[in-house]
Amino acid sequence: MSASWFEEEDPFSPIRYRYRIEEVLHKRKSQYQEIQVLRSSFFGRILVLDGVVQLTERDEFIYHEMLTHVPMHLHGNPQRVLVVGGGDGGTVREVLRHPKAEAVLAELDPEVVEVAKAYFPRLAESLDSSRLNIFYGDAADFVANATERFDVVLCDLTDPVGPARKLSETPFLESLKKILTPGGVVATQSESLYFHAQHVRQVQENLRSIFSSVGLYGVPVATYAGNWWTFSIASLGALTIDPCRAAVAGVRFYNGKVHSSSFISNEMLDSFVRGDHKDW
């Protein structure tokens, strides 16, 4: 098949991304969304949901390691972990690198899990683990009806549009607080510091209205809009850690120095919200 171009339009920024594609490996319409798997000679296989790139094989580990291991280490001894979204399996894979951890995956679309197992085996390698239980359905319903408590909740979400929008708003975040153990930690991807600064600020304000400790950290991910991707984190306890403890077997990017240097100050966030960074 001759190479072609896949174009993605970011709903939150004035740009479009184009990927040179060698092959469309899979395309189907599930009950919830259109799912595509593309092949790129540079990025490897690419997962696309409703026309928006979710991950590429080339750099997915950066996103998944940072979403997972920063909050896992801030907790210190996580044993029960809830992953909201993330049916591709990347976040579950990272959670289960912690030998004492067991996980629950709350995923809306079972076909995402099927596609991940078929086309992204390195991502999906832990989706059949005996240390994982999978709930298919609305994550908000799962959390509202949950009777167990979790040490860490990781929200591996799509962009905050459509059904995913409510998962970054205050009512859902309040429901997460109710299922945390004492000292529990919540982390959620919160979009681009460069293009989505107002959304980042809103998520931070929503968390501060609920939790005693709130922080923001980020990492460069080439695949995502603006490249400087953020994660909002909150806890019922203090957000402190000795970086020397931040070692996980099998990771490719995350380590103690990355952990310490990834946090973003309120002043920097405010600068992006105001647009001061345009003069840097």
C-alpha atoms as a PDB file:
ATOM      1  CA  MET A   1       0.000   0.000   0.000  1.00  0.00           C
ATOM      2  CA  SER A   2       1.385   3.421  -0.912  1.00  0.00           C
ATOM      3  CA  ALA A   3       1.887   5.970   1.856  1.00  0.00           C
ATOM      4  CA  SER A   4      -0.854   8.489   2.576  1.00  0.00           C
ATOM      5  CA  TRP A   5      -1.535  11.130   5.195  1.00  0.00           C
ATOM      6  CA  PHE A   6      -3.772  11.025   8.258  1.00  0.00           C
ATOM      7  CA  GLU A   7      -4.842  14.454   9.517  1.00  0.00           C
ATOM      8  CA  GLU A   8      -5.973  15.168  13.065  1.00  0.00           C
ATOM      9  CA  GLU A   9      -7.668  18.426  14.058  1.00  0.00           C
ATOM     10  CA  ASP A  10      -7.262  19.427  17.706  1.00  0.00           C
ATOM     11  CA  PRO A  11     -10.586  20.812  19.021  1.00  0.00           C
ATOM     12  CA  PHE A  12      -8.736  23.036  21.530  1.00  0.00           C
ATOM     13  CA  SER A  13      -6.001  24.609  19.409  1.00  0.00           C
ATOM     14  CA  PRO A  14      -5.619  26.368  16.037  1.00  0.00           C
ATOM     15  CA  ILE A  15      -3.482  23.633  14.510  1.00  0.00           C
ATOM     16  CA  ARG A  16      -3.749  20.336  12.703  1.00  0.00           C
ATOM     17  CA  TYR A  17      -1.392  17.377  12.894  1.00  0.00           C
ATOM     18  CA  ARG A  18      -0.529  15.208   9.882  1.00  0.00           C
ATOM     19  CA  TYR A  19       0.958  11.728  10.096  1.00  0.00           C
ATOM     20  CA  ARG A  20       2.493   9.926   7.136  1.00  0.00           C
ATOM     21  CA  ILE A  21       0.784   6.539   7.141  1.00  0.00           C
ATOM     22  CA  GLU A  22       1.872   3.391   5.348  1.00  0.00           C
ATOM     23  CA  GLU A  23      -1.213   1.311   6.116  1.00  0.00           C
ATOM     24  CA  VAL A  24      -4.626   1.286   7.797  1.00  0.00           C
ATOM     25  CA  LEU A  25      -4.473  -1.925   9.815  1.00  0.00           C
ATOM     26  CA  HIS A  26      -7.909  -1.759  11.368  1.00  0.00           C
ATOM     27  CA  LYS A  27     -11.030   0.384  11.238  1.00  0.00           C
ATOM     28  CA  ARG A  28     -14.345  -0.250  12.918  1.00  0.00           C
ATOM     29  CA  LYS A  29     -17.253   1.556  14.545  1.00  0.00           C
ATOM     30  CA  SER A  30     -17.984   0.335  18.056  1.00  0.00           C
ATOM     31  CA  GLN A  31     -21.080   1.164  20.071  1.00  0.00           C
ATOM     32  CA  TYR A  32     -19.297   4.260  21.377  1.00  0.00           C
ATOM     33  CA  GLN A  33     -16.733   5.461  18.846  1.00  0.00           C
ATOM     34  CA  GLU A  34     -14.758   4.870  15.676  1.00  0.00           C
ATOM     35  CA  ILE A  35     -11.567   2.906  16.313  1.00  0.00           C
ATOM     36  CA  GLN A  36      -8.631   2.918  13.898  1.00  0.00           C
ATOM     37  CA  VAL A  37      -5.168   1.402  13.991  1.00  0.00           C
ATOM     38  CA  LEU A  38      -2.667   2.982  11.594  1.00  0.00           C
ATOM     39  CA  ARG A  39       0.902   2.026  10.750  1.00  0.00           C
ATOM     40  CA  SER A  40       3.635   4.638  10.449  1.00  0.00           C
ATOM     41  CA  SER A  41       7.253   3.906   9.617  1.00  0.00           C
ATOM     42  CA  PHE A  42       8.317   6.486  12.216  1.00  0.00           C
ATOM     43  CA  PHE A  43       5.714   6.195  15.021  1.00  0.00           C
ATOM     44  CA  GLY A  44       4.913   2.514  14.642  1.00  0.00           C
ATOM     45  CA  ARG A  45       1.305   1.576  15.229  1.00  0.00           C
ATOM     46  CA  ILE A  46      -1.053   4.422  16.130  1.00  0.00           C
ATOM     47  CA  LEU A  47      -4.362   4.126  17.981  1.00  0.00           C
ATOM     48  CA  VAL A  48      -7.011   6.629  16.851  1.00  0.00           C
ATOM     49  CA  LEU A  49     -10.431   7.133  18.492  1.00  0.00           C
ATOM     50  CA  ASP A  50     -13.020   9.302  16.734  1.00  0.00           C
ATOM     51  CA  GLY A  51     -10.316  10.835  14.570  1.00  0.00           C
ATOM     52  CA  VAL A  52      -8.011  11.777  17.478  1.00  0.00           C
ATOM     53  CA  VAL A  53      -4.648  10.089  18.050  1.00  0.00           C
ATOM     54  CA  GLN A  54      -4.559   8.441  21.482  1.00  0.00           C
ATOM     55  CA  LEU A  55      -1.075   6.928  21.407  1.00  0.00           C
ATOM     56  CA  THR A  56       1.770   5.749  19.236  1.00  0.00           C
ATOM     57  CA  GLU A  57       4.119   2.853  19.846  1.00  0.00           C
ATOM     58  CA  ARG A  58       7.101   5.196  19.618  1.00  0.00           C
ATOM     59  CA  ASP A  59       6.341   7.333  22.674  1.00  0.00           C
ATOM     60  CA  GLU A  60       3.387   5.828  24.593  1.00  0.00           C
ATOM     61  CA  PHE A  61       5.679   4.659  27.413  1.00  0.00           C
ATOM     62  CA  ILE A  62       6.529   8.262  28.355  1.00  0.00           C
ATOM     63  CA  TYR A  63       2.889   9.161  28.935  1.00  0.00           C
ATOM     64  CA  HIS A  64       1.951   5.930  30.696  1.00  0.00           C
ATOM     65  CA  GLU A  65       4.988   5.849  32.963  1.00  0.00           C
ATOM     66  CA  MET A  66       4.473   9.437  34.085  1.00  0.00           C
ATOM     67  CA  LEU A  67       0.729   9.107  34.666  1.00  0.00           C
ATOM     68  CA  THR A  68       1.343   6.014  36.781  1.00  0.00           C
ATOM     69  CA  HIS A  69       4.590   6.131  38.695  1.00  0.00           C
ATOM     70  CA  VAL A  70       4.525   9.701  40.017  1.00  0.00           C
ATOM     71  CA  PRO A  71       1.275   9.161  41.991  1.00  0.00           C
ATOM     72  CA  MET A  72       2.212   5.584  42.888  1.00  0.00           C
ATOM     73  CA  HIS A  73       5.407   6.819  44.541  1.00  0.00           C
ATOM     74  CA  LEU A  74       3.732   9.800  46.131  1.00  0.00           C
ATOM     75  CA  HIS A  75       1.443   7.347  47.887  1.00  0.00           C
ATOM     76  CA  GLY A  76       4.372   5.187  48.933  1.00  0.00           C
ATOM     77  CA  ASN A  77       2.681   1.791  49.303  1.00  0.00           C
ATOM     78  CA  PRO A  78      -0.211   1.426  46.848  1.00  0.00           C
ATOM     79  CA  GLN A  79      -1.923  -1.939  46.870  1.00  0.00           C
ATOM     80  CA  ARG A  80      -5.359  -1.263  45.353  1.00  0.00           C
ATOM     81  CA  VAL A  81      -5.372   0.910  42.211  1.00  0.00           C
ATOM     82  CA  LEU A  82      -8.285   2.039  40.039  1.00  0.00           C
ATOM     83  CA  VAL A  83      -7.591   2.930  36.399  1.00  0.00           C
ATOM     84  CA  VAL A  84     -10.363   5.016  34.817  1.00  0.00           C
ATOM     85  CA  GLY A  85     -10.268   4.677  31.026  1.00  0.00           C
ATOM     86  CA  GLY A  86      -7.077   3.334  29.534  1.00  0.00           C
ATOM     87  CA  GLY A  87      -8.531   0.296  27.789  1.00  0.00           C
ATOM     88  CA  ASP A  88      -5.358   0.076  25.687  1.00  0.00           C
ATOM     89  CA  GLY A  89      -3.637  -1.366  28.768  1.00  0.00           C
ATOM     90  CA  GLY A  90      -0.623   0.944  29.001  1.00  0.00           C
ATOM     91  CA  THR A  91      -1.452   2.349  32.429  1.00  0.00           C
ATOM     92  CA  VAL A  92      -2.389  -1.098  33.780  1.00  0.00           C
ATOM     93  CA  ARG A  93       0.955  -2.408  32.544  1.00  0.00           C
ATOM     94  CA  GLU A  94       2.770   0.278  34.527  1.00  0.00           C
ATOM     95  CA  VAL A  95       0.646  -0.211  37.664  1.00  0.00           C
ATOM     96  CA  LEU A  96       1.439  -3.908  37.753  1.00  0.00           C
ATOM     97  CA  ARG A  97       5.174  -3.216  37.657  1.00  0.00           C
ATOM     98  CA  HIS A  98       4.635  -2.567  41.364  1.00  0.00           C
ATOM     99  CA  PRO A  99       4.654  -6.129  42.757  1.00  0.00           C
ATOM    100  CA  LYS A 100       2.239  -5.453  45.634  1.00  0.00           C
ATOM    101  CA  ALA A 101      -0.335  -3.672  43.480  1.00  0.00           C
ATOM    102  CA  GLU A 102      -3.638  -5.052  42.211  1.00  0.00           C
ATOM    103  CA  ALA A 103      -5.819  -3.085  39.818  1.00  0.00           C
ATOM    104  CA  VAL A 104      -9.354  -2.507  38.610  1.00  0.00           C
ATOM    105  CA  LEU A 105      -9.815  -1.112  35.090  1.00  0.00           C
ATOM    106  CA  ALA A 106     -13.041   0.842  34.466  1.00  0.00           C
ATOM    107  CA  GLU A 107     -13.299   1.067  30.672  1.00  0.00           C
ATOM    108  CA  LEU A 108     -16.335   2.192  28.693  1.00  0.00           C
ATOM    109  CA  ASP A 109     -15.640   0.348  25.439  1.00  0.00           C
ATOM    110  CA  PRO A 110     -14.717  -3.362  25.428  1.00  0.00           C
ATOM    111  CA  GLU A 111     -13.733  -3.116  21.760  1.00  0.00           C
ATOM    112  CA  VAL A 112     -10.798  -0.859  22.694  1.00  0.00           C
ATOM    113  CA  VAL A 113      -9.485  -3.685  24.861  1.00  0.00           C
ATOM    114  CA  GLU A 114      -9.982  -6.179  22.021  1.00  0.00           C
ATOM    115  CA  VAL A 115      -8.136  -3.963  19.546  1.00  0.00           C
ATOM    116  CA  ALA A 116      -5.287  -3.374  22.013  1.00  0.00           C
ATOM    117  CA  LYS A 117      -4.795  -7.106  22.514  1.00  0.00           C
ATOM    118  CA  ALA A 118      -4.800  -7.702  18.759  1.00  0.00           C
ATOM    119  CA  TYR A 119      -2.605  -4.816  17.603  1.00  0.00           C
ATOM    120  CA  PHE A 120      -0.662  -3.479  20.625  1.00  0.00           C
ATOM    121  CA  PRO A 121       0.636  -6.523  22.518  1.00  0.00           C
ATOM    122  CA  ARG A 122       3.297  -4.561  24.436  1.00  0.00           C
ATOM    123  CA  LEU A 123       0.603  -2.238  25.743  1.00  0.00           C
ATOM    124  CA  ALA A 124      -1.927  -4.967  26.453  1.00  0.00           C
ATOM    125  CA  GLU A 125       0.457  -7.467  28.048  1.00  0.00           C
ATOM    126  CA  SER A 126      -1.131  -7.094  31.510  1.00  0.00           C
ATOM    127  CA  LEU A 127      -4.810  -7.025  30.514  1.00  0.00           C
ATOM    128  CA  ASP A 128      -5.139 -10.762  31.213  1.00  0.00           C
ATOM    129  CA  SER A 129      -3.268 -10.612  34.523  1.00  0.00           C
ATOM    130  CA  SER A 130      -4.770 -12.341  37.564  1.00  0.00           C
ATOM    131  CA  ARG A 131      -4.033  -9.104  39.461  1.00  0.00           C
ATOM    132  CA  LEU A 132      -6.493  -7.160  37.276  1.00  0.00           C
ATOM    133  CA  ASN A 133     -10.284  -7.002  37.227  1.00  0.00           C
ATOM    134  CA  ILE A 134     -12.032  -5.195  34.339  1.00  0.00           C
ATOM    135  CA  PHE A 135     -15.352  -3.355  34.622  1.00  0.00           C
ATOM    136  CA  TYR A 136     -16.994  -2.418  31.330  1.00  0.00           C
ATOM    137  CA  GLY A 137     -19.326   0.557  31.460  1.00  0.00           C
ATOM    138  CA  ASP A 138     -19.565   4.176  32.556  1.00  0.00           C
ATOM    139  CA  ALA A 139     -16.722   4.958  34.974  1.00  0.00           C
ATOM    140  CA  ALA A 140     -18.884   7.496  36.797  1.00  0.00           C
ATOM    141  CA  ASP A 141     -21.410   4.749  37.536  1.00  0.00           C
ATOM    142  CA  PHE A 142     -18.669   2.408  38.693  1.00  0.00           C
ATOM    143  CA  VAL A 143     -17.243   4.988  41.090  1.00  0.00           C
ATOM    144  CA  ALA A 144     -20.674   6.020  42.380  1.00  0.00           C
ATOM    145  CA  ASN A 145     -21.514   2.405  43.239  1.00  0.00           C
ATOM    146  CA  ALA A 146     -18.087   1.236  44.413  1.00  0.00           C
ATOM    147  CA  THR A 147     -17.949  -0.391  47.834  1.00  0.00           C
ATOM    148  CA  GLU A 148     -14.179  -0.956  47.942  1.00  0.00           C
ATOM    149  CA  ARG A 149     -11.543   1.688  48.575  1.00  0.00           C
ATOM    150  CA  PHE A 150      -8.448   2.464  46.519  1.00  0.00           C
ATOM    151  CA  ASP A 151      -5.007   3.768  47.420  1.00  0.00           C
ATOM    152  CA  VAL A 152      -4.489   5.372  43.995  1.00  0.00           C
ATOM    153  CA  VAL A 153      -6.898   6.364  41.211  1.00  0.00           C
ATOM    154  CA  LEU A 154      -5.423   7.039  37.754  1.00  0.00           C
ATOM    155  CA  CYS A 155      -7.662   8.762  35.192  1.00  0.00           C
ATOM    156  CA  ASP A 156      -6.331   7.853  31.747  1.00  0.00           C
ATOM    157  CA  LEU A 157      -8.889   9.885  29.850  1.00  0.00           C
ATOM    158  CA  THR A 158      -9.581  10.956  26.299  1.00  0.00           C
ATOM    159  CA  ASP A 159      -9.965  14.687  25.575  1.00  0.00           C
ATOM    160  CA  PRO A 160     -12.646  16.384  27.725  1.00  0.00           C
ATOM    161  CA  VAL A 161     -15.383  16.348  25.106  1.00  0.00           C
ATOM    162  CA  GLY A 162     -18.485  14.185  24.871  1.00  0.00           C
ATOM    163  CA  PRO A 163     -18.848  11.493  27.563  1.00  0.00           C
ATOM    164  CA  ALA A 164     -15.319  12.128  28.915  1.00  0.00           C
ATOM    165  CA  ARG A 165     -16.028  15.757  29.788  1.00  0.00           C
ATOM    166  CA  LYS A 166     -17.764  14.952  33.082  1.00  0.00           C
ATOM    167  CA  LEU A 167     -14.728  12.977  34.266  1.00  0.00           C
ATOM    168  CA  SER A 168     -12.736  16.175  34.847  1.00  0.00           C
ATOM    169  CA  GLU A 169     -15.567  18.084  36.527  1.00  0.00           C
ATOM    170  CA  THR A 170     -16.185  18.563  40.238  1.00  0.00           C
ATOM    171  CA  PRO A 171     -18.997  16.011  40.853  1.00  0.00           C
ATOM    172  CA  PHE A 172     -16.902  13.132  39.510  1.00  0.00           C
ATOM    173  CA  LEU A 173     -13.781  14.280  41.349  1.00  0.00           C
ATOM    174  CA  GLU A 174     -15.805  14.481  44.569  1.00  0.00           C
ATOM    175  CA  SER A 175     -16.948  10.901  44.020  1.00  0.00           C
ATOM    176  CA  LEU A 176     -13.300   9.823  43.683  1.00  0.00           C
ATOM    177  CA  LYS A 177     -12.528  11.285  47.088  1.00  0.00           C
ATOM    178  CA  LYS A 178     -15.149   9.003  48.632  1.00  0.00           C
ATOM    179  CA  ILE A 179     -13.480   5.825  47.357  1.00  0.00           C
ATOM    180  CA  LEU A 180      -9.937   6.688  48.464  1.00  0.00           C
ATOM    181  CA  THR A 181      -8.207   5.175  51.454  1.00  0.00           C
ATOM    182  CA  PRO A 182      -6.652   7.609  53.994  1.00  0.00           C
ATOM    183  CA  GLY A 183      -3.687   9.217  52.260  1.00  0.00           C
ATOM    184  CA  GLY A 184      -5.051   8.174  48.871  1.00  0.00           C
ATOM    185  CA  VAL A 185      -3.875   9.830  45.660  1.00  0.00           C
ATOM    186  CA  VAL A 186      -5.733  10.780  42.459  1.00  0.00           C
ATOM    187  CA  ALA A 187      -3.975  11.654  39.185  1.00  0.00           C
ATOM    188  CA  THR A 188      -5.549  12.587  35.875  1.00  0.00           C
ATOM    189  CA  GLN A 189      -4.205  13.637  32.515  1.00  0.00           C
ATOM    190  CA  SER A 190      -5.145  17.309  32.150  1.00  0.00           C
ATOM    191  CA  GLU A 191      -4.178  18.230  28.591  1.00  0.00           C
ATOM    192  CA  SER A 192      -1.541  20.583  27.162  1.00  0.00           C
ATOM    193  CA  LEU A 193       0.089  23.325  29.190  1.00  0.00           C
ATOM    194  CA  TYR A 194       0.644  25.271  25.980  1.00  0.00           C
ATOM    195  CA  PHE A 195      -2.728  25.031  24.238  1.00  0.00           C
ATOM    196  CA  HIS A 196      -5.137  24.050  27.013  1.00  0.00           C
ATOM    197  CA  ALA A 197      -3.921  26.159  29.936  1.00  0.00           C
ATOM    198  CA  GLN A 198      -7.430  27.325  30.865  1.00  0.00           C
ATOM    199  CA  HIS A 199      -8.569  23.706  31.115  1.00  0.00           C
ATOM    200  CA  VAL A 200      -5.515  22.845  33.220  1.00  0.00           C
ATOM    201  CA  ARG A 201      -6.326  25.743  35.553  1.00  0.00           C
ATOM    202  CA  GLN A 202      -9.962  24.621  35.830  1.00  0.00           C
ATOM    203  CA  VAL A 203      -8.992  21.065  36.735  1.00  0.00           C
ATOM    204  CA  GLN A 204      -6.587  22.408  39.364  1.00  0.00           C
ATOM    205  CA  GLU A 205      -9.323  24.606  40.853  1.00  0.00           C
ATOM    206  CA  ASN A 206     -11.780  21.719  40.857  1.00  0.00           C
ATOM    207  CA  LEU A 207      -9.297  19.554  42.744  1.00  0.00           C
ATOM    208  CA  ARG A 208      -8.437  22.290  45.249  1.00  0.00           C
ATOM    209  CA  SER A 209     -12.102  22.580  46.158  1.00  0.00           C
ATOM    210  CA  ILE A 210     -12.047  18.922  47.226  1.00  0.00           C
ATOM    211  CA  PHE A 211      -8.557  17.809  48.294  1.00  0.00           C
ATOM    212  CA  SER A 212      -6.104  19.124  50.874  1.00  0.00           C
ATOM    213  CA  SER A 213      -3.031  18.752  48.636  1.00  0.00           C
ATOM    214  CA  VAL A 214      -2.978  19.454  44.895  1.00  0.00           C
ATOM    215  CA  GLY A 215      -0.129  19.574  42.398  1.00  0.00           C
ATOM    216  CA  LEU A 216       0.674  19.686  38.698  1.00  0.00           C
ATOM    217  CA  TYR A 217       3.405  17.965  36.743  1.00  0.00           C
ATOM    218  CA  GLY A 218       4.219  17.568  33.075  1.00  0.00           C
ATOM    219  CA  VAL A 219       6.304  15.807  30.478  1.00  0.00           C
ATOM    220  CA  PRO A 220       7.126  16.288  26.786  1.00  0.00           C
ATOM    221  CA  VAL A 221       5.164  13.869  24.571  1.00  0.00           C
ATOM    222  CA  ALA A 222       5.622  14.505  20.851  1.00  0.00           C
ATOM    223  CA  THR A 223       2.306  12.921  19.896  1.00  0.00           C
ATOM    224  CA  TYR A 224       0.083  15.317  21.847  1.00  0.00           C
ATOM    225  CA  ALA A 225      -0.918  18.904  21.065  1.00  0.00           C
ATOM    226  CA  GLY A 226       1.639  21.426  22.259  1.00  0.00           C
ATOM    227  CA  ASN A 227       3.939  18.536  23.244  1.00  0.00           C
ATOM    228  CA  TRP A 228       4.113  19.627  26.924  1.00  0.00           C
ATOM    229  CA  TRP A 229       1.478  17.378  28.491  1.00  0.00           C
ATOM    230  CA  THR A 230       0.208  17.812  32.037  1.00  0.00           C
ATOM    231  CA  PHE A 231      -1.071  15.626  34.846  1.00  0.00           C
ATOM    232  CA  SER A 232      -3.042  16.980  37.773  1.00  0.00           C
ATOM    233  CA  ILE A 233      -2.563  15.210  41.075  1.00  0.00           C
ATOM    234  CA  ALA A 234      -4.339  15.453  44.416  1.00  0.00           C
ATOM    235  CA  SER A 235      -4.241  13.719  47.761  1.00  0.00           C
ATOM    236  CA  LEU A 236      -5.946  13.467  51.113  1.00  0.00           C
ATOM    237  CA  GLY A 237      -2.434  13.557  52.576  1.00  0.00           C
ATOM    238  CA  ALA A 238       0.821  15.374  51.819  1.00  0.00           C
ATOM    239  CA  LEU A 239       2.396  15.197  48.339  1.00  0.00           C
ATOM    240  CA  THR A 240       6.009  14.551  49.338  1.00  0.00           C
ATOM    241  CA  ILE A 241       8.564  11.941  48.279  1.00  0.00           C
ATOM    242  CA  ASP A 242      12.246  11.102  48.546  1.00  0.00           C
ATOM    243  CA  PRO A 243      13.302  10.890  44.870  1.00  0.00           C
ATOM    244  CA  CYS A 244      15.758   8.105  45.711  1.00  0.00           C
ATOM    245  CA  ARG A 245      12.772   5.806  46.284  1.00  0.00           C
ATOM    246  CA  ALA A 246      11.509   6.346  42.734  1.00  0.00           C
ATOM    247  CA  ALA A 247      12.906   3.230  41.039  1.00  0.00           C
ATOM    248  CA  VAL A 248      10.715   0.795  39.097  1.00  0.00           C
ATOM    249  CA  ALA A 249      11.919  -2.314  37.294  1.00  0.00           C
ATOM    250  CA  GLY A 250      11.322  -2.299  33.558  1.00  0.00           C
ATOM    251  CA  VAL A 251      10.624   1.400  32.981  1.00  0.00           C
ATOM    252  CA  ARG A 252      12.222   3.223  30.051  1.00  0.00           C
ATOM    253  CA  PHE A 253      11.777   6.895  30.975  1.00  0.00           C
ATOM    254  CA  TYR A 254      10.710   7.455  34.574  1.00  0.00           C
ATOM    255  CA  ASN A 255      13.265   7.793  37.379  1.00  0.00           C
ATOM    256  CA  GLY A 256      13.869   9.849  40.509  1.00  0.00           C
ATOM    257  CA  LYS A 257      15.350  12.844  38.686  1.00  0.00           C
ATOM    258  CA  VAL A 258      12.515  12.911  36.157  1.00  0.00           C
ATOM    259  CA  HIS A 259      10.046  12.717  39.034  1.00  0.00           C
ATOM    260  CA  SER A 260      11.583  15.665  40.893  1.00  0.00           C
ATOM    261  CA  SER A 261      11.958  17.884  37.836  1.00  0.00           C
ATOM    262  CA  SER A 262       8.482  17.279  36.385  1.00  0.00           C
ATOM    263  CA  PHE A 263       6.452  19.422  38.787  1.00  0.00           C
ATOM    264  CA  ILE A 264       5.049  22.713  37.493  1.00  0.00           C
ATOM    265  CA  SER A 265       4.626  25.709  39.803  1.00  0.00           C
ATOM    266  CA  ASN A 266       1.451  27.742  40.154  1.00  0.00           C
ATOM    267  CA  GLU A 267       3.392  30.725  38.825  1.00  0.00           C
ATOM    268  CA  MET A 268       4.278  28.886  35.618  1.00  0.00           C
ATOM    269  CA  LEU A 269       0.691  27.755  35.122  1.00  0.00           C
ATOM    270  CA  ASP A 270      -0.555  31.309  35.683  1.00  0.00           C
ATOM    271  CA  SER A 271       1.948  32.543  33.096  1.00  0.00           C
ATOM    272  CA  PHE A 272       0.501  30.187  30.490  1.00  0.00           C
ATOM    273  CA  VAL A 273      -3.074  31.111  31.391  1.00  0.00           C
ATOM    274  CA  ARG A 274      -2.256  34.810  30.948  1.00  0.00           C
ATOM    275  CA  GLY A 275      -0.256  34.178  27.783  1.00  0.00           C
ATOM    276  CA  ASP A 276       2.950  35.652  29.200  1.00  0.00           C
ATOM    277  CA  HIS A 277       4.931  32.756  27.734  1.00  0.00           C
ATOM    278  CA  LYS A 278       4.378  34.174  24.239  1.00  0.00           C
ATOM    279  CA  ASP A 279       7.149  36.679  24.933  1.00  0.00           C
ATOM    280  CA  TRP A 280       9.694  34.119  26.150  1.00  0.00           C
END
